[in-house]
Protein backbone atom coordinates (compact mmCIF):
# COMPACT_ATOMS: atom_id res chain seq x y z
CA MET A 1 21.60 20.53 13.75
CA MET A 2 18.90 18.70 15.56
CA LYS A 3 18.49 15.21 14.20
CA ALA A 4 15.54 14.92 11.94
CA THR A 5 13.54 12.18 10.71
CA LEU A 6 10.81 11.94 8.02
CA LEU A 7 8.70 9.08 7.35
CA LEU A 8 6.89 8.32 4.32
CA GLY A 9 3.92 5.96 4.24
CA ILE A 10 1.54 4.57 1.41
CA ALA A 11 -1.90 3.51 2.79
CA VAL A 12 -5.67 3.08 2.43
CA LEU A 13 -8.91 4.82 3.74
CA ALA A 14 -12.02 3.48 5.42
CA ASN A 15 -15.24 4.23 6.64
CA SER A 16 -15.27 7.48 5.26
CA GLU A 17 -16.47 9.89 2.53
CA HIS A 18 -13.24 8.62 0.39
CA ALA A 19 -14.24 5.01 0.33
CA PRO A 20 -15.67 3.89 -2.90
CA SER A 21 -19.12 2.56 -2.68
CA TRP A 22 -19.89 1.48 -6.29
CA LYS A 23 -20.83 -2.04 -7.23
CA GLY A 24 -18.04 -4.59 -7.05
CA ALA A 25 -15.79 -2.11 -5.34
CA GLY A 26 -13.15 -4.96 -4.71
CA ASN A 27 -13.82 -4.90 -0.70
CA PHE A 28 -12.07 -1.97 0.07
CA ASP A 29 -13.33 -1.65 3.37
CA MET A 30 -10.92 -4.32 4.53
CA ASP A 31 -8.30 -2.15 3.59
CA PHE A 32 -9.44 1.06 5.51
CA LYS A 33 -9.48 -0.10 9.14
CA GLY A 34 -7.66 2.43 11.46
CA VAL A 35 -8.24 5.24 9.04
CA LYS A 36 -11.14 8.27 10.21
CA PHE A 37 -12.22 11.11 8.54
CA GLY A 38 -14.68 14.19 9.75
CA ASP A 39 -15.12 18.02 9.23
CA LYS A 40 -14.22 18.70 12.82
CA LYS A 41 -10.61 18.44 15.13
CA GLY A 42 -10.86 15.97 18.08
CA LEU A 43 -11.52 12.00 18.20
CA GLY A 44 -7.99 11.62 16.67
CA LEU A 45 -8.83 13.77 13.40
CA THR A 46 -5.68 15.52 14.25
CA MET A 47 -4.71 16.19 10.75
CA ASP A 48 -5.73 19.03 8.25
CA LEU A 49 -6.36 18.97 4.71
CA HIS A 50 -3.92 20.82 2.59
CA LEU A 51 -5.00 20.88 -1.23
CA MET A 52 -2.14 21.80 -3.93
CA GLU A 53 -4.04 24.29 -5.92
CA ASP A 54 -0.81 26.12 -6.97
CA LYS A 55 0.64 22.70 -8.30
CA VAL A 56 -2.43 21.94 -10.77
CA ALA A 57 -0.43 23.57 -13.88
CA GLN A 58 2.19 21.32 -13.53
CA GLY A 59 -0.08 18.19 -13.47
CA ALA A 60 -0.49 17.24 -9.90
CA VAL A 61 -4.30 16.61 -10.22
CA CYS A 62 -6.59 13.42 -9.31
CA LEU A 63 -8.20 11.59 -11.99
CA ASP A 64 -11.17 14.14 -12.69
CA GLY A 65 -8.68 17.04 -12.80
CA SER A 66 -9.46 18.52 -9.43
CA PRO A 67 -6.22 19.53 -7.17
CA ALA A 68 -4.35 16.59 -5.55
CA GLY A 69 -3.39 17.26 -1.53
CA PHE A 70 -2.60 15.74 1.60
CA TYR A 71 -3.30 16.11 5.24
CA PHE A 72 -0.76 17.57 7.83
CA SER A 73 -0.43 17.78 11.67
CA PRO A 74 2.60 19.47 13.09
CA ALA A 75 5.09 17.93 15.46
CA ALA A 76 3.42 17.19 19.07
CA ASP A 77 6.52 17.48 20.89
CA VAL A 78 9.29 20.40 20.22
CA LYS A 79 12.18 17.80 20.17
CA ASP A 80 10.44 16.22 17.15
CA ARG A 81 10.02 19.30 15.47
CA ASN A 82 12.46 18.33 12.56
CA ASN A 83 11.27 14.43 12.50
CA TRP A 84 8.57 13.72 9.81
CA GLN A 85 6.35 11.11 9.21
CA ILE A 86 4.54 11.02 5.74
CA TYR A 87 1.72 8.54 4.78
CA PHE A 88 0.64 7.93 1.12
CA GLU A 89 -2.63 6.82 0.79
CA GLY A 90 -3.74 3.43 -1.09
CA GLY A 91 -7.13 2.03 -1.97
CA GLY A 92 -7.09 -0.53 -4.72
CA TRP A 93 -6.86 0.31 -8.60
CA CYS A 94 -9.21 0.82 -11.35
CA TYR A 95 -8.28 -1.59 -14.10
CA ASP A 96 -9.77 -0.30 -17.58
CA ASP A 97 -11.73 2.99 -19.15
CA MET A 98 -15.27 2.72 -17.67
CA ASP A 99 -13.67 1.45 -14.21
CA CYS A 100 -11.65 4.39 -13.89
CA TYR A 101 -14.51 6.74 -15.05
CA GLY A 102 -16.55 5.29 -11.73
CA ARG A 103 -13.76 5.79 -9.67
CA SER A 104 -13.33 9.60 -10.78
CA SER A 105 -16.37 10.34 -9.34
CA THR A 106 -15.42 8.99 -5.80
CA GLY A 107 -12.78 10.42 -3.14
CA LEU A 108 -10.17 7.80 -4.91
CA GLY A 109 -10.59 9.77 -7.93
CA SER A 110 -11.43 13.28 -6.93
CA SER A 111 -10.44 15.96 -4.20
CA THR A 112 -14.08 17.61 -4.36
CA HIS A 113 -15.55 15.91 -1.14
CA TRP A 114 -12.70 15.30 0.92
CA ALA A 115 -13.08 15.64 4.47
CA SER A 116 -11.18 18.69 5.94
CA THR A 117 -9.67 16.33 8.99
CA MET A 118 -8.43 12.75 9.33
CA GLY A 119 -6.51 10.34 11.58
CA VAL A 120 -4.66 6.79 11.21
CA GLY A 121 -3.84 4.09 13.56
CA GLY A 122 -0.90 1.62 14.04
CA ILE A 123 2.09 2.98 12.29
CA MET A 124 0.80 6.42 12.30
CA SER A 125 -1.10 6.67 15.74
CA ASP A 126 -0.41 9.68 17.45
CA ASN A 127 -0.58 7.75 20.87
CA CYS A 128 2.66 7.09 22.10
CA ALA A 129 1.33 3.78 23.63
CA ILE A 130 0.53 2.38 20.44
CA ASN A 131 3.39 4.02 17.98
CA PRO A 132 6.35 4.85 20.54
CA ASP A 133 8.92 5.44 17.72
CA PHE A 134 6.61 7.63 15.47
CA CYS A 135 3.98 9.16 17.60
CA ASN A 136 5.08 12.67 18.16
CA PHE A 137 6.50 13.35 14.62
CA ASN A 138 5.30 15.98 11.89
CA ARG A 139 2.74 13.82 10.11
CA VAL A 140 1.70 14.20 6.57
CA PHE A 141 -0.95 11.93 4.82
CA LEU A 142 -0.84 11.86 0.96
CA THR A 143 -4.02 11.13 -0.38
CA TYR A 144 -4.38 8.56 -3.16
CA CYS A 145 -6.32 9.63 -6.46
CA ASP A 146 -4.71 8.41 -9.73
CA GLY A 147 -5.71 4.96 -10.02
CA ASN A 148 -2.84 3.10 -10.03
CA SER A 149 -0.37 3.41 -7.07
CA PHE A 150 1.04 6.76 -8.17
CA THR A 151 2.81 5.57 -11.10
CA GLY A 152 0.46 7.46 -13.54
CA ASN A 153 2.45 9.59 -16.16
CA ARG A 154 -0.22 10.38 -19.14
CA ASP A 155 0.56 13.85 -20.65
CA GLU A 156 -3.11 13.82 -22.38
CA PRO A 157 -6.24 12.89 -20.64
CA LEU A 158 -8.43 9.91 -21.54
CA VAL A 159 -11.79 11.02 -22.38
CA VAL A 160 -14.31 8.57 -21.43
CA LYS A 161 -18.09 9.39 -21.92
CA GLY A 162 -17.04 13.07 -22.57
CA LYS A 163 -14.98 13.19 -19.31
CA PRO A 164 -11.43 13.98 -19.29
CA LEU A 165 -9.70 11.53 -16.92
CA TYR A 166 -5.96 12.54 -15.91
CA PHE A 167 -3.01 9.73 -14.83
CA ARG A 168 -0.56 11.90 -12.76
CA GLY A 169 0.43 9.91 -9.94
CA ARG A 170 4.03 10.51 -10.32
CA ARG A 171 3.78 14.09 -10.54
CA ILE A 172 1.17 14.07 -7.49
CA ILE A 173 4.64 12.62 -5.81
CA ASP A 174 6.56 15.54 -7.22
CA ALA A 175 4.56 18.11 -6.14
CA VAL A 176 3.87 16.85 -2.46
CA LEU A 177 7.87 16.38 -1.91
CA GLN A 178 8.32 20.05 -3.38
CA THR A 179 5.69 21.59 -1.26
CA LEU A 180 7.12 19.99 1.89
CA ILE A 181 10.32 21.49 1.43
CA PRO A 182 9.36 24.98 2.90
CA MET A 183 7.29 23.20 5.39
CA GLY A 184 10.67 21.70 7.02
CA LEU A 185 11.77 18.66 4.84
CA TRP A 186 15.03 20.33 3.96
CA ASN A 187 15.76 19.38 7.67
CA ALA A 188 15.31 15.80 7.39
CA GLU A 189 18.14 13.30 8.14
CA ASN A 190 16.41 9.79 8.75
CA VAL A 191 13.75 8.98 6.31
CA LEU A 192 11.48 5.97 6.39
CA LEU A 193 8.94 5.24 3.13
CA THR A 194 6.04 3.09 4.20
CA GLY A 195 2.40 2.13 2.78
CA CYS A 196 -0.39 -0.13 2.97
CA SER A 197 -2.44 -2.10 0.02
CA ALA A 198 -2.02 -0.01 -3.09
CA GLY A 199 -0.08 2.33 -1.03
CA GLY A 200 2.09 -0.60 0.03
CA LEU A 201 2.74 -1.22 -3.72
CA ALA A 202 3.72 2.17 -4.20
CA THR A 203 6.36 1.70 -1.61
CA TYR A 204 7.91 -1.19 -3.60
CA LEU A 205 7.52 0.73 -7.05
CA HIS A 206 8.70 4.18 -5.63
CA THR A 207 11.44 3.65 -2.92
CA ASP A 208 14.60 4.14 -5.25
CA TYR A 209 12.90 7.09 -6.79
CA VAL A 210 12.04 8.71 -3.47
CA HIS A 211 15.53 7.84 -2.18
CA GLN A 212 17.25 9.36 -5.06
CA TRP A 213 14.83 12.57 -5.08
CA LEU A 214 15.65 13.23 -1.29
CA LYS A 215 19.43 12.70 -1.85
CA THR A 216 19.32 15.20 -4.60
CA ASN A 217 17.32 17.79 -2.44
CA VAL A 218 17.66 17.01 1.15
CA PRO A 219 21.39 17.43 1.93
CA PRO A 220 21.03 16.51 5.59
CA LEU A 221 19.89 12.98 4.59
CA LYS A 222 21.69 10.35 6.34
CA VAL A 223 19.60 7.41 6.54
CA PHE A 224 16.60 6.31 4.19
CA LYS A 225 14.65 2.87 4.79
CA ALA A 226 11.27 1.74 3.07
CA ALA A 227 8.72 -0.72 4.46
CA SER A 228 5.70 -2.08 2.78
CA ILE A 229 2.56 -2.96 4.58
CA SER A 230 0.28 -5.58 2.72
CA GLY A 231 1.81 -4.46 -0.71
CA PHE A 232 3.38 -7.65 -2.14
CA PHE A 233 0.37 -8.66 -4.28
CA LEU A 234 1.29 -11.87 -6.32
CA ASP A 235 0.78 -12.37 -10.15
CA HIS A 236 -1.31 -15.26 -9.67
CA ASN A 237 -3.82 -17.26 -11.44
CA ASN A 238 -7.06 -17.36 -9.85
CA LEU A 239 -8.35 -20.92 -8.49
CA VAL A 240 -9.52 -22.23 -12.06
CA GLY A 241 -6.35 -21.27 -13.50
CA GLN A 242 -7.22 -18.00 -15.10
CA PRO A 243 -4.73 -14.89 -15.04
CA VAL A 244 -7.51 -12.24 -13.92
CA TYR A 245 -5.08 -10.29 -11.70
CA GLU A 246 -2.42 -9.94 -14.24
CA ALA A 247 -4.74 -8.77 -16.71
CA GLN A 248 -6.02 -6.18 -14.60
CA MET A 249 -3.06 -4.85 -13.65
CA LYS A 250 -1.11 -5.06 -17.13
CA ASN A 251 -3.79 -2.95 -18.59
CA ILE A 252 -4.01 0.09 -16.15
CA PHE A 253 -0.32 0.21 -16.63
CA HIS A 254 -0.83 0.91 -20.35
CA VAL A 255 -3.76 2.99 -19.57
CA ALA A 256 -1.92 5.12 -17.30
CA ASN A 257 1.44 5.13 -19.08
CA SER A 258 3.10 4.16 -15.99
CA THR A 259 6.19 2.89 -17.94
CA HIS A 260 8.14 6.19 -16.53
CA GLY A 261 6.28 6.14 -13.23
CA VAL A 262 7.66 2.71 -11.63
CA ASN A 263 10.97 1.14 -10.57
CA ASP A 264 13.48 2.16 -13.65
CA ALA A 265 15.84 -0.50 -13.20
CA CYS A 266 12.85 -2.79 -13.45
CA ILE A 267 11.99 -1.40 -16.84
CA ALA A 268 15.75 -1.68 -17.87
CA ALA A 269 15.49 -5.31 -17.20
CA TYR A 270 12.69 -6.31 -19.41
CA PRO A 271 11.57 -5.97 -23.16
CA ALA A 272 9.02 -3.39 -23.97
CA ASP A 273 6.12 -5.95 -24.10
CA GLU A 274 6.83 -7.19 -20.60
CA GLN A 275 7.48 -3.96 -19.24
CA TRP A 276 3.85 -4.28 -17.30
CA LYS A 277 5.40 -6.85 -14.95
CA CYS A 278 6.92 -3.65 -13.17
CA ASN A 279 3.71 -2.76 -12.01
CA PHE A 280 4.01 -5.80 -9.62
CA ALA A 281 6.18 -6.05 -6.31
CA GLN A 282 7.43 -9.20 -6.97
CA TYR A 283 8.94 -8.31 -10.08
CA THR A 284 9.99 -5.14 -8.59
CA TYR A 285 11.48 -6.19 -5.44
CA PRO A 286 14.59 -7.51 -6.95
CA HIS A 287 15.75 -4.16 -8.21
CA ILE A 288 15.11 -2.06 -4.98
CA GLN A 289 18.43 -0.77 -3.58
CA ALA A 290 17.24 1.10 -0.52
CA PRO A 291 17.09 -0.95 2.76
CA PHE A 292 13.58 -2.46 2.82
CA LEU A 293 11.21 -4.39 5.25
CA ALA A 294 8.34 -6.08 3.63
CA LEU A 295 5.25 -6.60 6.17
CA ASN A 296 2.50 -8.95 4.56
CA SER A 297 0.29 -11.68 5.50
CA GLY A 298 1.08 -14.81 3.26
CA TYR A 299 -2.70 -15.44 3.31
CA ASP A 300 -3.77 -12.00 2.64
CA SER A 301 -7.47 -11.43 2.78
CA TRP A 302 -7.69 -9.18 0.01
CA GLN A 303 -5.51 -11.15 -2.10
CA THR A 304 -7.27 -14.58 -1.43
CA GLY A 305 -10.71 -12.70 -2.44
CA CYS A 306 -9.65 -10.43 -5.21
CA ILE A 307 -6.81 -12.43 -6.93
CA TYR A 308 -7.30 -16.08 -6.11
CA ALA A 309 -11.06 -16.16 -6.32
CA ALA A 310 -11.40 -13.47 -8.69
CA LYS A 311 -13.15 -13.24 -11.99
CA LEU A 312 -13.21 -10.46 -14.97
CA VAL A 313 -15.76 -8.07 -15.14
CA PRO A 314 -17.79 -9.00 -18.38
CA GLY A 315 -16.36 -7.38 -21.51
CA PHE A 316 -13.06 -6.53 -19.44
CA PRO A 317 -11.04 -4.31 -20.90
CA ASN A 318 -13.77 -2.56 -22.91
CA GLN A 319 -16.60 -3.26 -19.71
CA THR A 320 -19.72 -1.02 -19.93
CA VAL A 321 -20.24 -0.99 -16.19
CA THR A 322 -18.20 0.85 -13.95
CA TRP A 323 -17.85 -2.14 -11.69
CA ASN A 324 -14.14 -2.46 -9.81
CA GLY A 325 -13.30 -6.11 -10.68
CA GLN A 326 -15.31 -8.98 -9.19
CA CYS A 327 -13.88 -10.50 -5.71
CA ASN A 328 -14.69 -13.97 -4.09
CA ALA A 329 -16.70 -15.00 -7.54
CA VAL A 330 -15.20 -18.29 -8.08
CA SER A 331 -17.89 -20.77 -7.29
CA PRO A 332 -18.11 -23.11 -5.04
CA TRP A 333 -15.27 -21.19 -3.13
CA GLN A 334 -16.77 -18.13 -1.71
CA ASN A 335 -17.64 -19.61 2.04
CA CYS A 336 -13.92 -20.94 2.30
CA VAL A 337 -12.18 -17.93 0.86
CA GLY A 338 -14.02 -15.65 2.95
CA ASN A 339 -13.16 -17.89 6.39
CA PRO A 340 -10.64 -20.65 6.59
CA ASP A 341 -12.72 -22.31 9.12
CA ASN A 342 -15.33 -22.92 6.46
CA CYS A 343 -12.98 -24.87 4.07
CA ASN A 344 -12.85 -28.54 3.99
CA SER A 345 -9.69 -30.26 4.25
CA THR A 346 -8.97 -30.49 0.49
CA GLN A 347 -9.71 -26.87 -0.06
CA MET A 348 -7.48 -25.93 2.76
CA VAL A 349 -4.82 -27.72 0.84
CA THR A 350 -5.26 -25.57 -2.15
CA MET A 351 -5.52 -22.35 -0.14
CA ASN A 352 -2.11 -23.32 1.83
CA LYS A 353 -0.83 -23.48 -1.74
CA TYR A 354 -1.27 -19.44 -2.02
CA ILE A 355 1.20 -19.13 0.99
CA THR A 356 3.67 -21.44 -0.11
CA ASP A 357 3.94 -19.57 -3.78
CA PHE A 358 3.89 -16.38 -1.58
CA LYS A 359 7.02 -17.67 0.29
CA ALA A 360 8.65 -18.72 -2.98
CA ASP A 361 8.22 -15.56 -4.57
CA MET A 362 9.45 -13.35 -2.09
CA GLN A 363 12.59 -15.37 -0.93
CA SER A 364 13.68 -16.03 -4.26
CA ALA A 365 14.69 -12.56 -4.73
CA GLY A 366 18.38 -11.44 -3.58
CA THR A 367 16.51 -8.43 -1.67
CA TYR A 368 15.00 -10.85 0.68
CA ASN A 369 18.69 -11.72 2.38
CA LYS A 370 20.40 -8.40 1.66
CA ASN A 371 21.81 -6.66 4.42
CA GLY A 372 19.62 -4.02 6.32
CA ASN A 373 16.33 -5.91 4.99
CA GLY A 374 13.61 -7.96 6.47
CA ALA A 375 10.44 -9.53 6.05
CA PHE A 376 7.54 -10.20 8.60
CA ILE A 377 5.29 -12.52 6.77
CA HIS A 378 2.61 -13.82 8.93
CA SER A 379 -0.70 -16.01 8.26
CA CYS A 380 -3.42 -14.06 9.62
CA HIS A 381 -6.18 -13.64 7.13
CA THR A 382 -6.10 -9.83 7.56
CA HIS A 383 -4.96 -6.97 5.41
CA CYS A 384 -3.35 -3.49 6.35
CA GLU A 385 -2.74 -4.49 10.01
CA GLY A 386 -0.02 -1.93 9.93
CA THR A 387 -2.42 0.75 10.69
CA ASN A 388 -4.82 -1.47 12.97
CA ASP A 389 -4.01 -0.52 16.31
CA HIS A 390 -4.90 -3.99 17.71
CA GLN A 391 -3.22 -5.87 14.89
CA TRP A 392 -0.24 -3.80 14.79
CA MET A 393 0.10 -4.51 18.92
CA THR A 394 -0.79 -8.23 19.09
CA PHE A 395 -0.07 -10.29 15.67
CA LYS A 396 3.24 -12.28 16.53
CA VAL A 397 5.71 -14.60 14.50
CA ARG A 398 8.32 -16.22 16.70
CA GLY A 399 6.81 -14.54 19.84
CA VAL A 400 7.60 -11.01 18.34
CA THR A 401 4.85 -8.39 17.51
CA ILE A 402 4.67 -6.60 14.10
CA ARG A 403 5.43 -3.20 16.14
CA ASP A 404 8.44 -4.66 17.84
CA ALA A 405 9.92 -6.64 14.63
CA PHE A 406 9.51 -3.08 12.75
CA SER A 407 11.03 -1.14 15.58
CA LYS A 408 14.00 -3.36 15.79
CA TRP A 409 14.87 -2.98 11.97
CA TRP A 410 14.33 0.48 11.91
CA HIS A 411 16.84 1.18 14.87
CA GLN A 412 19.62 -1.46 13.12
CA HIS A 413 22.72 -0.29 11.09
CA SER A 414 21.48 -1.10 7.29
CA SER A 415 24.89 -1.93 5.70
CA THR A 416 26.03 -4.20 8.31
CA SER A 417 22.99 -6.08 9.79
CA PRO A 418 22.09 -9.39 8.13
CA ALA A 419 18.72 -9.85 7.19
CA ALA A 420 18.03 -13.22 8.62
CA PRO A 421 17.09 -12.25 12.17
CA ASN A 422 14.60 -9.79 10.46
CA ASN A 423 13.01 -12.54 8.33
CA TYR A 424 10.04 -13.86 9.96
CA VAL A 425 8.03 -16.79 7.84
CA PRO A 426 4.33 -17.83 8.10
CA CYS A 427 2.94 -21.20 9.03
CA GLU A 428 0.31 -23.02 6.90
CA TYR A 429 -3.15 -23.62 8.08
CA LYS A 430 -4.26 -27.01 9.68
CA THR A 431 -5.59 -29.46 6.83
CA GLY A 432 -7.24 -31.97 9.09
CA SER A 433 -10.96 -33.46 8.23
CA THR A 434 -12.13 -31.18 11.49
CA GLY A 435 -11.04 -28.56 14.24
CA PRO A 436 -10.21 -24.65 13.78
CA ARG A 437 -7.67 -24.21 10.94
CA ASP A 438 -5.61 -21.44 12.51
CA CYS A 439 -1.92 -22.13 12.99
CA ASN A 440 -0.63 -19.13 14.47
CA PRO A 441 -2.79 -18.35 18.11
CA THR A 442 -2.18 -14.40 17.78
CA CYS A 443 -4.50 -14.32 14.65
CA LEU A 444 -7.73 -15.87 16.46
CA ASN A 445 -8.50 -12.22 17.58
CA PRO A 446 -7.94 -9.54 14.90
CA GLY A 447 -9.74 -6.99 16.83
CA ASN A 448 -11.80 -4.59 14.78
């Protein structure tokens, strides 16, 4: 049988009709670089929309009840006809009833207005000069519309202002995998699960579930690996000591009934009143069994604005507006949080603490040093660099680009290869009284 490879990814959308535009949208545009949508083929828009109308009866629906779906493009080379790349979309979260109500009218909560074609850069690019390992694979892009990283598993809808909202992310994953079986998934031998932002978090939360599903349903499976891009969101207080992001993610965990939509081993490790922690990568990471690569900025631009400098929307978790959180809202930090060069020396010391906390949280897990694993943690003030062609090819740590570190990890033997050579740590920003703050010169030209 010809060698078959399946790449599963979870990422985000941008500059498209999918991207949310409501007030307080949480700066999703920084997530969506490298993703394009349209209604005609060409200009990199090579993947066609497939709505799963036949899976509605089993609950595979978006927040508004419309059919879930995915984009697909067949292999570009006959030798890759059994190689698969599946990319699951991300794009933030909704945090309470009204927030999810607002989201249900956007492309992140409804399939009603999804474009007919799309394309992705970086790790999903079909340009072999950019993405030599996976450029010619069958490619699948699983769209994200359940509001909580594909974890929702609520039987009855939540009714808000007379509108039923469906939290069915886990059922969407099942439906897509089932749909792909007759499309050739049964031939997959090597599988990579990846994703960015909310999809990167989903990679942490679903890696072992997808691995077990494939072992059960795909007999030829030989190798399974997972790599998260920008998905290690910290359970961290904001700059004035308030647990804003924790409150948001804890609430949507309960609203979406995500207890049985996340990592089962993590759930088993906590008492019932603490199982919401399994909605976070840092609490799930220690329980992941499959070979895993973490790709993240320790100074992630979404996290500095929407965790470290965030405030709750007034009235949360019973807000009366459809705002999606309040990012960059802690005064007088807005200019510093948006650009490290705008920080004074005292502020930069405080901002660097986020990097040290990030490293400590990740490195404290046994998973970090487990054979077959790796972690490429850099300091560039970016987000979702794995889907940005320029950043994918130029950001470096120890002289190694993201793309090359990823390729090396993907091709090595999981059970015998030590993690240490695949672990890259971030530097801390300069704290002097004047001058540029960047400590990594490859971050200075992030591109578009």
